N, C-alpha and C. Protein backbone atom coordinates (compact mmCIF):
# COMPACT_ATOMS: atom_id res chain seq x y z
N MET A 1 0.84 -1.19 0.00
CA MET A 1 0.00 0.00 0.00
C MET A 1 0.88 1.25 0.00
N LYS A 2 0.58 2.20 -0.87
CA LYS A 2 1.36 3.42 -0.99
C LYS A 2 1.09 4.35 0.19
N SER A 3 2.15 5.00 0.67
CA SER A 3 2.03 5.93 1.78
C SER A 3 1.23 7.16 1.35
N GLU A 4 0.47 7.71 2.28
CA GLU A 4 -0.31 8.92 2.02
C GLU A 4 0.51 10.17 2.29
N ARG A 5 1.74 9.99 2.68
CA ARG A 5 2.62 11.11 3.00
C ARG A 5 3.00 11.83 1.72
N PRO A 6 2.77 13.15 1.63
CA PRO A 6 3.13 13.87 0.40
C PRO A 6 4.64 13.91 0.20
N ILE A 7 5.05 13.88 -1.06
CA ILE A 7 6.48 13.94 -1.38
C ILE A 7 7.00 15.35 -1.14
N TYR A 8 6.23 16.36 -1.52
CA TYR A 8 6.64 17.75 -1.38
C TYR A 8 5.81 18.44 -0.31
N VAL A 9 6.47 19.32 0.45
CA VAL A 9 5.77 20.09 1.47
C VAL A 9 6.11 21.56 1.29
N ASP A 10 5.24 22.43 1.79
CA ASP A 10 5.50 23.86 1.69
C ASP A 10 6.45 24.30 2.80
N THR A 11 6.80 25.57 2.79
CA THR A 11 7.77 26.10 3.75
C THR A 11 7.31 25.90 5.19
N ARG A 12 6.06 26.15 5.45
CA ARG A 12 5.55 26.02 6.82
C ARG A 12 5.69 24.59 7.33
N GLU A 13 5.31 23.61 6.51
CA GLU A 13 5.40 22.21 6.91
C GLU A 13 6.86 21.77 7.00
N ALA A 14 7.70 22.23 6.09
CA ALA A 14 9.13 21.89 6.12
C ALA A 14 9.76 22.40 7.42
N ALA A 15 9.43 23.63 7.77
CA ALA A 15 9.95 24.21 9.01
C ALA A 15 9.48 23.41 10.22
N ARG A 16 8.22 23.02 10.22
CA ARG A 16 7.68 22.22 11.33
C ARG A 16 8.43 20.90 11.45
N LEU A 17 8.66 20.25 10.32
CA LEU A 17 9.38 18.97 10.33
C LEU A 17 10.81 19.11 10.85
N LEU A 18 11.44 20.24 10.56
CA LEU A 18 12.82 20.48 10.99
C LEU A 18 12.91 21.07 12.39
N GLY A 19 11.79 21.53 12.92
CA GLY A 19 11.79 22.13 14.25
C GLY A 19 12.35 23.55 14.28
N ILE A 20 12.20 24.26 13.17
CA ILE A 20 12.64 25.66 13.09
C ILE A 20 11.47 26.50 12.61
N SER A 21 11.62 27.81 12.67
CA SER A 21 10.53 28.68 12.22
C SER A 21 10.55 28.81 10.70
N PRO A 22 9.38 29.07 10.10
CA PRO A 22 9.35 29.32 8.65
C PRO A 22 10.25 30.50 8.25
N ARG A 23 10.33 31.49 9.10
CA ARG A 23 11.18 32.67 8.82
C ARG A 23 12.65 32.26 8.75
N THR A 24 13.07 31.40 9.66
CA THR A 24 14.46 30.91 9.64
C THR A 24 14.71 30.14 8.35
N LEU A 25 13.77 29.32 7.96
CA LEU A 25 13.91 28.55 6.72
C LEU A 25 13.96 29.49 5.51
N ASP A 26 13.18 30.56 5.53
CA ASP A 26 13.25 31.58 4.47
C ASP A 26 14.65 32.19 4.40
N ARG A 27 15.21 32.55 5.55
CA ARG A 27 16.56 33.14 5.58
C ARG A 27 17.60 32.15 5.08
N PHE A 28 17.47 30.88 5.48
CA PHE A 28 18.40 29.86 5.00
C PHE A 28 18.31 29.72 3.48
N ARG A 29 17.12 29.82 2.94
CA ARG A 29 16.94 29.70 1.49
C ARG A 29 17.63 30.85 0.76
N VAL A 30 17.49 32.05 1.28
CA VAL A 30 18.11 33.23 0.66
C VAL A 30 19.64 33.15 0.74
N SER A 31 20.15 32.70 1.87
CA SER A 31 21.61 32.65 2.07
C SER A 31 22.25 31.42 1.44
N GLY A 32 21.44 30.43 1.09
CA GLY A 32 21.99 29.19 0.53
C GLY A 32 22.40 28.18 1.57
N GLU A 33 22.10 28.45 2.84
CA GLU A 33 22.47 27.55 3.93
C GLU A 33 21.46 26.42 4.14
N GLY A 34 20.29 26.56 3.59
CA GLY A 34 19.21 25.62 3.87
C GLY A 34 19.17 24.43 2.94
N PRO A 35 18.14 23.63 3.11
CA PRO A 35 17.97 22.46 2.26
C PRO A 35 17.63 22.86 0.82
N VAL A 36 17.91 21.95 -0.09
CA VAL A 36 17.55 22.14 -1.49
C VAL A 36 16.04 22.33 -1.58
N PHE A 37 15.59 23.22 -2.45
CA PHE A 37 14.15 23.46 -2.61
C PHE A 37 13.78 23.42 -4.07
N HIS A 38 12.49 23.36 -4.33
CA HIS A 38 11.95 23.32 -5.69
C HIS A 38 11.01 24.50 -5.87
N LYS A 39 10.98 25.04 -7.08
CA LYS A 39 10.03 26.10 -7.41
C LYS A 39 9.05 25.55 -8.44
N PHE A 40 7.78 25.62 -8.09
CA PHE A 40 6.70 25.25 -9.00
C PHE A 40 5.93 26.53 -9.24
N GLY A 41 6.27 27.24 -10.32
CA GLY A 41 5.72 28.57 -10.52
C GLY A 41 6.30 29.47 -9.44
N LYS A 42 5.44 30.11 -8.67
CA LYS A 42 5.89 30.96 -7.57
C LYS A 42 5.98 30.19 -6.25
N ARG A 43 5.50 28.98 -6.26
CA ARG A 43 5.43 28.18 -5.03
C ARG A 43 6.78 27.51 -4.73
N VAL A 44 7.23 27.67 -3.48
CA VAL A 44 8.45 27.02 -3.01
C VAL A 44 8.05 25.76 -2.26
N CYS A 45 8.66 24.64 -2.64
CA CYS A 45 8.38 23.36 -1.98
C CYS A 45 9.68 22.65 -1.68
N TYR A 46 9.59 21.75 -0.72
CA TYR A 46 10.74 20.94 -0.31
C TYR A 46 10.36 19.47 -0.41
N ALA A 47 11.25 18.67 -0.96
CA ALA A 47 11.05 17.22 -0.96
C ALA A 47 11.43 16.72 0.44
N ARG A 48 10.63 15.84 0.97
CA ARG A 48 10.92 15.31 2.31
C ARG A 48 12.30 14.68 2.38
N THR A 49 12.70 13.99 1.32
CA THR A 49 14.02 13.35 1.33
C THR A 49 15.13 14.39 1.38
N ASP A 50 14.94 15.55 0.73
CA ASP A 50 15.94 16.62 0.79
C ASP A 50 16.03 17.20 2.20
N LEU A 51 14.90 17.32 2.87
CA LEU A 51 14.90 17.81 4.26
C LEU A 51 15.66 16.84 5.16
N GLU A 52 15.40 15.56 4.98
CA GLU A 52 16.08 14.54 5.79
C GLU A 52 17.58 14.55 5.51
N ASP A 53 17.97 14.67 4.24
CA ASP A 53 19.40 14.71 3.88
C ASP A 53 20.08 15.94 4.47
N TRP A 54 19.42 17.08 4.39
CA TRP A 54 19.99 18.32 4.92
C TRP A 54 20.16 18.22 6.43
N ALA A 55 19.14 17.72 7.11
CA ALA A 55 19.23 17.56 8.56
C ALA A 55 20.36 16.61 8.93
N ALA A 56 20.51 15.53 8.19
CA ALA A 56 21.58 14.56 8.47
C ALA A 56 22.95 15.19 8.25
N SER A 57 23.06 16.10 7.27
CA SER A 57 24.36 16.73 6.98
C SER A 57 24.77 17.70 8.08
N ARG A 58 23.85 18.09 8.92
CA ARG A 58 24.14 19.03 10.00
C ARG A 58 24.38 18.31 11.33
N ARG A 59 24.49 17.03 11.28
CA ARG A 59 24.70 16.21 12.48
C ARG A 59 26.10 16.45 13.03
N ARG A 60 26.20 16.63 14.32
CA ARG A 60 27.48 16.90 14.99
C ARG A 60 27.58 16.05 16.25
N THR A 61 28.81 15.85 16.70
CA THR A 61 29.02 15.13 17.95
C THR A 61 29.36 16.06 19.09
N SER A 62 29.77 17.30 18.78
CA SER A 62 30.04 18.29 19.82
C SER A 62 29.88 19.68 19.24
N THR A 63 29.81 20.66 20.12
CA THR A 63 29.70 22.04 19.65
C THR A 63 31.01 22.55 19.08
N ALA A 64 32.10 21.81 19.28
CA ALA A 64 33.40 22.19 18.75
C ALA A 64 33.60 21.74 17.31
N ASP A 65 32.69 20.90 16.78
CA ASP A 65 32.81 20.45 15.40
C ASP A 65 32.70 21.64 14.45
N HIS A 66 33.54 21.64 13.43
CA HIS A 66 33.51 22.70 12.43
C HIS A 66 33.19 22.10 11.08
N ASP A 67 32.44 22.82 10.26
CA ASP A 67 32.07 22.33 8.94
C ASP A 67 33.29 21.95 8.11
N GLU A 68 34.32 22.80 8.13
CA GLU A 68 35.50 22.54 7.30
C GLU A 68 36.16 21.23 7.71
N VAL A 69 36.23 20.99 9.00
CA VAL A 69 36.86 19.77 9.50
C VAL A 69 36.04 18.56 9.11
N LEU A 70 34.73 18.66 9.26
CA LEU A 70 33.86 17.52 8.93
C LEU A 70 33.88 17.22 7.44
N ARG A 71 33.90 18.26 6.62
CA ARG A 71 33.93 18.05 5.17
C ARG A 71 35.22 17.37 4.74
N ALA A 72 36.31 17.73 5.41
CA ALA A 72 37.61 17.14 5.05
C ALA A 72 37.76 15.73 5.61
N GLY A 73 36.86 15.35 6.52
CA GLY A 73 36.93 14.03 7.10
C GLY A 73 38.02 13.90 8.15
N VAL A 74 38.46 15.05 8.68
CA VAL A 74 39.52 15.04 9.68
C VAL A 74 38.92 15.38 11.03
N ALA A 75 39.20 14.55 12.02
CA ALA A 75 38.70 14.82 13.37
C ALA A 75 39.71 15.68 14.12
N ARG A 76 39.21 16.62 14.89
CA ARG A 76 40.11 17.44 15.71
C ARG A 76 40.38 16.78 17.01
């Protein structure tokens, strides 16, 4: 049986799923820091899988972790 879960969600639902405000997600979209998004006409949507991938990419083990170090695969 196919899931009833929509593939694409709007900004409000994406923000809810990530536990952040829609305004923060808007700022992330403008700065390029946020998850990949899709434009359908004027409508901005997010694929659930892109949200999950983005959230996973922000996973850290301590507050001392730095993006550059994690990208290089080098532990401090």
